[in-house]
Amino acid sequence: MGRVFYSADRLGYPFERIREICFIVPNEKLHRQRSRYPKMIFFLEGRCRVEAGIDFQQNVEPGDLLIFPQPSQHHYASLTTGQEAHIYAFTIFFCNSVAKRLQGSKPRSGPPRELHEMLQYLLSERRHIRAMLTSSTSALISSFRQEQDLVLPGYQLRLQAIAYSLLGEVWRKLSTPEDSTHVRKRNKTYVINEVKELLAKSLGSPITLAQIAWHVRWSEEHLSRVFKRETNLTVMDYLRTLRIDKARIRLLNTPETVSTIADNLGFASISSFCRIFKHIVGQTPSEYRENHVGARR
């Protein structure tokens, strides 16, 4: 069992439910889990070994993705001798009827056909995909949390759309040959995504606009103008948003102090961190931890 932070049900075919959960893998013991549904697991935090029979044994790192196309029993084990592992995961559960529908005839045309083809491809076998938590998938998971927090009219439809988008990101990743990157045109979309990837890797390190511009071989002025036009955020505001998102995870998932989290995520001071956190989230870090952890125990 674990602690559920975000949960969504009744999203319609092909989804059974979605859970964002934290659980502990005990030291030198297997954490057994049996799932009644096919599922896709994004690992946000924590390292562990996952075993599902003798033919599927994988060491999983933060950012990795596991796909189990059938209901299954699997085990988690800590990778660090003498220490328990804290796993934080975002899991999409699929309806059991998905497998039966995939065995039937294909829809003739339109979006249902593409959905059928996507599910047929993604759920064809057990998979371990490394580095699937890209800037795009991270942004979608962040949007999922925001919709859950706000509960505005139509939020169920928004949650379903976000879940479909996550499947689409995985499908593109799996169906695009790794060696095709050298032929991509460095258009503005590609460069903006390159910047987002760099920022996602720099959450705990100081980085300047000049360094980012040098990395993508654009001028600071041109990068700032294009990035703001495409994202509605400045480069540094986008970085701060990523850092606050990571801070939210740590506040819910770890016993780290607010000061430690601020320092590890590259903020100049704890007061700066608290001010930015409240501006983005609407609560101080301490209030956020108390309200969310206390409410979901």
Protein backbone atom coordinates (compact mmCIF):
# COMPACT_ATOMS: atom_id res chain seq x y z
CA MET A 1 0.00 0.00 0.00
CA GLY A 2 1.08 3.57 -0.52
CA ARG A 3 -0.09 7.13 -0.14
CA VAL A 4 -2.19 8.44 -3.01
CA PHE A 5 -1.69 12.13 -3.81
CA TYR A 6 -3.77 12.48 -6.98
CA SER A 7 -6.50 10.18 -8.26
CA ALA A 8 -8.92 10.31 -11.18
CA ASP A 9 -11.68 7.85 -12.09
CA ARG A 10 -14.45 7.67 -14.68
CA LEU A 11 -12.35 9.09 -17.51
CA GLY A 12 -13.91 6.81 -20.11
CA TYR A 13 -12.45 4.21 -22.44
CA PRO A 14 -9.62 3.18 -22.50
CA PHE A 15 -8.85 4.43 -18.97
CA GLU A 16 -9.85 2.68 -15.76
CA ARG A 17 -8.22 5.21 -13.41
CA ILE A 18 -5.08 7.28 -12.89
CA ARG A 19 -3.11 7.42 -9.64
CA GLU A 20 -0.13 9.44 -8.47
CA ILE A 21 1.23 7.53 -5.52
CA CYS A 22 4.19 7.18 -3.18
CA PHE A 23 5.16 3.84 -1.65
CA ILE A 24 8.13 2.41 0.22
CA VAL A 25 10.13 -0.63 -0.88
CA PRO A 26 11.49 -2.18 2.36
CA ASN A 27 15.17 -2.91 2.84
CA GLU A 28 16.13 -6.44 1.72
CA LYS A 29 12.50 -7.41 1.14
CA LEU A 30 10.35 -7.63 -1.96
CA HIS A 31 7.40 -5.29 -2.27
CA ARG A 32 4.75 -7.46 -3.96
CA GLN A 33 2.05 -5.87 -6.05
CA ARG A 34 -0.75 -7.39 -8.06
CA SER A 35 -2.56 -5.27 -10.60
CA ARG A 36 -6.00 -6.21 -11.89
CA TYR A 37 -5.59 -3.92 -14.89
CA PRO A 38 -3.10 -3.27 -17.70
CA LYS A 39 -1.06 -0.23 -16.75
CA MET A 40 1.63 2.29 -17.66
CA ILE A 41 3.90 3.56 -14.86
CA PHE A 42 5.92 6.78 -15.04
CA PHE A 43 8.61 6.74 -12.33
CA LEU A 44 8.99 10.30 -11.01
CA GLU A 45 11.31 9.67 -8.04
CA GLY A 46 13.26 6.73 -6.59
CA ARG A 47 15.31 3.83 -7.93
CA CYS A 48 14.31 0.19 -7.71
CA ARG A 49 14.41 -3.20 -9.38
CA VAL A 50 11.18 -4.50 -10.90
CA GLU A 51 10.64 -8.21 -11.47
CA ALA A 52 7.70 -9.77 -13.31
CA GLY A 53 8.76 -13.38 -13.78
CA ILE A 54 12.17 -14.66 -14.80
CA ASP A 55 11.97 -13.04 -18.23
CA PHE A 56 11.36 -9.46 -17.07
CA GLN A 57 13.80 -7.97 -14.56
CA GLN A 58 14.61 -4.28 -14.91
CA ASN A 59 16.51 -1.66 -12.92
CA VAL A 60 14.32 1.42 -13.03
CA GLU A 61 15.55 5.01 -12.66
CA PRO A 62 13.62 8.29 -12.21
CA GLY A 63 12.17 9.26 -15.58
CA ASP A 64 11.70 5.67 -16.79
CA LEU A 65 8.43 4.12 -17.92
CA LEU A 66 7.11 0.58 -17.49
CA ILE A 67 4.20 -0.86 -19.49
CA PHE A 68 2.31 -3.98 -18.40
CA PRO A 69 -0.23 -4.84 -21.13
CA GLN A 70 -2.02 -7.47 -19.02
CA PRO A 71 -3.10 -7.73 -15.36
CA SER A 72 0.02 -8.95 -13.62
CA GLN A 73 1.86 -9.67 -10.40
CA HIS A 74 5.26 -8.05 -10.03
CA HIS A 75 7.78 -7.24 -7.32
CA TYR A 76 9.80 -4.18 -6.36
CA ALA A 77 13.19 -4.43 -4.67
CA SER A 78 15.52 -1.72 -3.35
CA LEU A 79 18.70 -1.17 -5.35
CA THR A 80 20.59 0.26 -2.36
CA THR A 81 21.88 -2.29 0.14
CA GLY A 82 20.74 -1.50 3.65
CA GLN A 83 18.30 1.22 2.60
CA GLU A 84 14.62 1.28 1.76
CA ALA A 85 13.53 2.89 -1.50
CA HIS A 86 10.92 5.65 -1.72
CA ILE A 87 9.10 5.36 -5.03
CA TYR A 88 6.93 8.12 -6.44
CA ALA A 89 4.96 7.07 -9.53
CA PHE A 90 2.28 8.30 -11.91
CA THR A 91 0.25 5.32 -13.14
CA ILE A 92 -2.35 5.06 -15.90
CA PHE A 93 -4.59 2.00 -15.50
CA PHE A 94 -6.41 0.72 -18.60
CA CYS A 95 -9.80 -0.99 -18.74
CA ASN A 96 -9.66 -4.78 -18.91
CA SER A 97 -11.90 -4.54 -21.98
CA VAL A 98 -9.02 -2.94 -23.92
CA ALA A 99 -7.36 -6.30 -24.64
CA LYS A 100 -10.61 -7.76 -26.02
CA ARG A 101 -11.25 -4.74 -28.24
CA LEU A 102 -7.71 -4.85 -29.60
CA GLN A 103 -8.30 -8.44 -30.71
CA GLY A 104 -11.39 -7.41 -32.67
CA SER A 105 -11.65 -5.76 -36.07
CA LYS A 106 -10.06 -2.36 -36.61
CA PRO A 107 -12.25 0.73 -36.96
CA ARG A 108 -12.37 1.80 -40.59
CA SER A 109 -11.30 5.44 -40.26
CA GLY A 110 -11.08 8.51 -38.08
CA PRO A 111 -9.80 9.11 -34.52
CA PRO A 112 -11.08 5.76 -33.12
CA ARG A 113 -8.90 3.96 -35.64
CA GLU A 114 -5.81 5.92 -34.58
CA LEU A 115 -6.61 5.23 -30.93
CA HIS A 116 -6.98 1.54 -31.74
CA GLU A 117 -3.62 1.50 -33.54
CA MET A 118 -1.91 3.40 -30.72
CA LEU A 119 -3.18 1.06 -28.00
CA GLN A 120 -2.40 -1.97 -30.12
CA TYR A 121 1.19 -0.77 -30.43
CA LEU A 122 1.69 0.37 -26.83
CA LEU A 123 0.09 -2.67 -25.22
CA SER A 124 1.65 -5.29 -27.47
CA GLU A 125 4.26 -6.37 -24.88
CA ARG A 126 5.84 -5.57 -21.54
CA ARG A 127 8.20 -2.65 -21.98
CA HIS A 128 10.83 -0.70 -20.08
CA ILE A 129 11.45 2.69 -21.69
CA ARG A 130 14.27 4.82 -20.35
CA ALA A 131 14.16 8.62 -20.04
CA MET A 132 10.47 8.87 -20.96
CA LEU A 133 9.87 11.73 -18.52
CA THR A 134 10.69 14.48 -21.01
CA SER A 135 9.76 18.14 -20.72
CA SER A 136 6.55 17.41 -22.64
CA THR A 137 5.41 14.51 -20.44
CA SER A 138 6.41 16.40 -17.29
CA ALA A 139 4.32 19.37 -18.39
CA LEU A 140 1.31 17.11 -19.03
CA ILE A 141 1.61 15.52 -15.57
CA SER A 142 1.87 19.00 -14.06
CA SER A 143 -1.31 20.01 -15.94
CA PHE A 144 -3.02 16.89 -14.60
CA ARG A 145 -2.22 17.96 -11.02
CA GLN A 146 -3.43 21.50 -11.63
CA GLU A 147 -6.77 20.28 -13.00
CA GLN A 148 -7.15 18.05 -9.93
CA ASP A 149 -6.37 20.95 -7.60
CA LEU A 150 -8.68 23.48 -9.27
CA VAL A 151 -11.68 21.21 -10.12
CA LEU A 152 -13.09 23.72 -12.60
CA PRO A 153 -16.10 22.95 -14.83
CA GLY A 154 -15.15 20.41 -17.48
CA TYR A 155 -12.07 19.24 -15.59
CA GLN A 156 -12.91 15.56 -16.21
CA LEU A 157 -12.74 16.19 -19.95
CA ARG A 158 -9.44 18.00 -19.48
CA LEU A 159 -8.05 15.08 -17.47
CA GLN A 160 -9.06 12.67 -20.22
CA ALA A 161 -7.44 14.88 -22.87
CA ILE A 162 -4.21 15.03 -20.84
CA ALA A 163 -4.19 11.23 -20.49
CA TYR A 164 -4.62 10.84 -24.27
CA SER A 165 -1.77 13.29 -24.81
CA LEU A 166 0.51 11.26 -22.54
CA LEU A 167 -0.23 8.13 -24.58
CA GLY A 168 0.54 10.08 -27.75
CA GLU A 169 3.91 11.20 -26.35
CA VAL A 170 4.87 7.61 -25.54
CA TRP A 171 3.69 6.37 -28.95
CA ARG A 172 5.82 8.96 -30.73
CA LYS A 173 8.85 8.13 -28.60
CA LEU A 174 8.57 4.41 -29.36
CA SER A 175 7.79 4.77 -33.05
CA THR A 176 10.53 7.32 -33.86
CA PRO A 177 13.91 5.73 -34.65
CA GLU A 178 16.66 6.89 -32.28
CA ASP A 179 19.06 7.53 -35.15
CA SER A 180 16.70 9.97 -36.87
CA THR A 181 17.67 12.91 -34.63
CA HIS A 182 20.51 14.01 -36.93
CA VAL A 183 18.11 14.76 -39.77
CA ARG A 184 15.72 16.93 -37.78
CA LYS A 185 15.55 20.52 -38.86
CA ARG A 186 16.51 22.96 -36.14
CA ASN A 187 13.29 24.92 -36.47
CA LYS A 188 11.92 27.02 -33.64
CA THR A 189 9.84 24.15 -32.20
CA TYR A 190 12.88 21.91 -32.05
CA VAL A 191 15.01 24.61 -30.40
CA ILE A 192 12.33 25.46 -27.83
CA ASN A 193 12.07 21.76 -26.92
CA GLU A 194 15.86 21.62 -26.69
CA VAL A 195 15.78 24.53 -24.23
CA LYS A 196 13.05 22.81 -22.18
CA GLU A 197 15.13 19.62 -22.01
CA LEU A 198 18.16 21.59 -20.83
CA LEU A 199 16.14 23.39 -18.15
CA ALA A 200 14.65 20.11 -16.91
CA LYS A 201 18.20 18.83 -16.37
CA SER A 202 19.31 22.01 -14.59
CA LEU A 203 16.83 22.20 -11.71
CA GLY A 204 19.51 21.95 -9.04
CA SER A 205 22.24 23.91 -10.79
CA PRO A 206 22.66 27.63 -11.44
CA ILE A 207 22.23 28.48 -15.11
CA THR A 208 22.04 31.79 -16.97
CA LEU A 209 20.20 32.91 -20.08
CA ALA A 210 23.58 33.39 -21.77
CA GLN A 211 24.52 29.75 -21.13
CA ILE A 212 21.17 28.55 -22.47
CA ALA A 213 21.46 30.71 -25.60
CA TRP A 214 25.01 29.45 -26.22
CA HIS A 215 23.78 25.84 -25.88
CA VAL A 216 21.19 26.24 -28.67
CA ARG A 217 23.36 28.62 -30.72
CA TRP A 218 20.88 31.49 -30.69
CA SER A 219 21.33 35.03 -29.41
CA GLU A 220 19.87 35.84 -25.99
CA GLU A 221 17.49 38.39 -27.51
CA HIS A 222 16.18 36.04 -30.19
CA LEU A 223 15.80 33.15 -27.74
CA SER A 224 13.95 35.32 -25.22
CA ARG A 225 11.56 36.67 -27.85
CA VAL A 226 10.75 33.30 -29.47
CA PHE A 227 10.47 31.41 -26.17
CA LYS A 228 8.05 34.00 -24.72
CA ARG A 229 5.96 33.95 -27.90
CA GLU A 230 5.72 30.14 -27.96
CA THR A 231 5.20 29.46 -24.22
CA ASN A 232 3.82 32.74 -22.79
CA LEU A 233 6.65 32.55 -20.22
CA THR A 234 10.16 33.91 -20.13
CA VAL A 235 12.95 31.33 -20.08
CA MET A 236 13.72 31.95 -16.42
CA ASP A 237 10.03 31.97 -15.43
CA TYR A 238 9.69 28.57 -17.10
CA LEU A 239 12.70 27.31 -15.12
CA ARG A 240 11.21 28.62 -11.88
CA THR A 241 7.94 26.83 -12.68
CA LEU A 242 9.80 23.55 -13.19
CA ARG A 243 11.64 24.01 -9.91
CA ILE A 244 8.43 24.75 -8.04
CA ASP A 245 6.85 21.64 -9.57
CA LYS A 246 9.79 19.56 -8.31
CA ALA A 247 9.50 21.27 -4.92
CA ARG A 248 5.83 20.23 -4.72
CA ILE A 249 6.83 16.60 -5.23
CA ARG A 250 9.51 16.79 -2.56
CA LEU A 251 7.23 18.50 -0.07
CA LEU A 252 4.74 15.65 -0.44
CA ASN A 253 7.17 12.78 -0.84
CA THR A 254 10.12 13.52 1.47
CA PRO A 255 10.73 14.75 5.03
CA GLU A 256 13.22 17.35 3.73
CA THR A 257 12.96 20.79 5.29
CA VAL A 258 11.79 23.74 3.25
CA SER A 259 15.29 25.19 3.52
CA THR A 260 16.91 22.01 2.15
CA ILE A 261 14.48 21.83 -0.77
CA ALA A 262 15.10 25.49 -1.63
CA ASP A 263 18.87 24.97 -1.55
CA ASN A 264 18.78 21.75 -3.61
CA LEU A 265 16.65 23.36 -6.31
CA GLY A 266 18.94 26.31 -6.89
CA PHE A 267 17.03 29.12 -5.17
CA ALA A 268 19.16 31.98 -3.87
CA SER A 269 17.47 31.98 -0.46
CA ILE A 270 14.61 30.39 1.43
CA SER A 271 12.70 33.70 1.39
CA SER A 272 13.01 33.86 -2.41
CA PHE A 273 11.81 30.26 -2.68
CA CYS A 274 8.80 30.85 -0.41
CA ARG A 275 7.84 34.04 -2.26
CA ILE A 276 7.98 32.38 -5.70
CA PHE A 277 6.23 29.23 -4.43
CA LYS A 278 3.31 31.23 -3.02
CA HIS A 279 3.06 33.30 -6.21
CA ILE A 280 2.77 30.16 -8.38
CA VAL A 281 0.89 27.76 -6.07
CA GLY A 282 -1.13 30.18 -3.93
CA GLN A 283 0.20 28.77 -0.65
CA THR A 284 3.47 28.84 1.24
CA PRO A 285 5.52 25.60 1.06
CA SER A 286 4.62 24.75 4.67
CA GLU A 287 0.90 25.34 4.05
CA TYR A 288 1.02 23.24 0.89
CA ARG A 289 2.69 20.31 2.69
CA GLU A 290 0.29 20.49 5.65
CA ASN A 291 -2.87 20.76 3.54
CA HIS A 292 -2.04 18.06 0.97
CA VAL A 293 -0.23 15.48 3.08
CA GLY A 294 -2.67 15.84 5.95
CA ALA A 295 -5.72 15.59 3.69
CA ARG A 296 -4.54 12.44 1.91
CA ARG A 297 -3.34 10.30 4.78
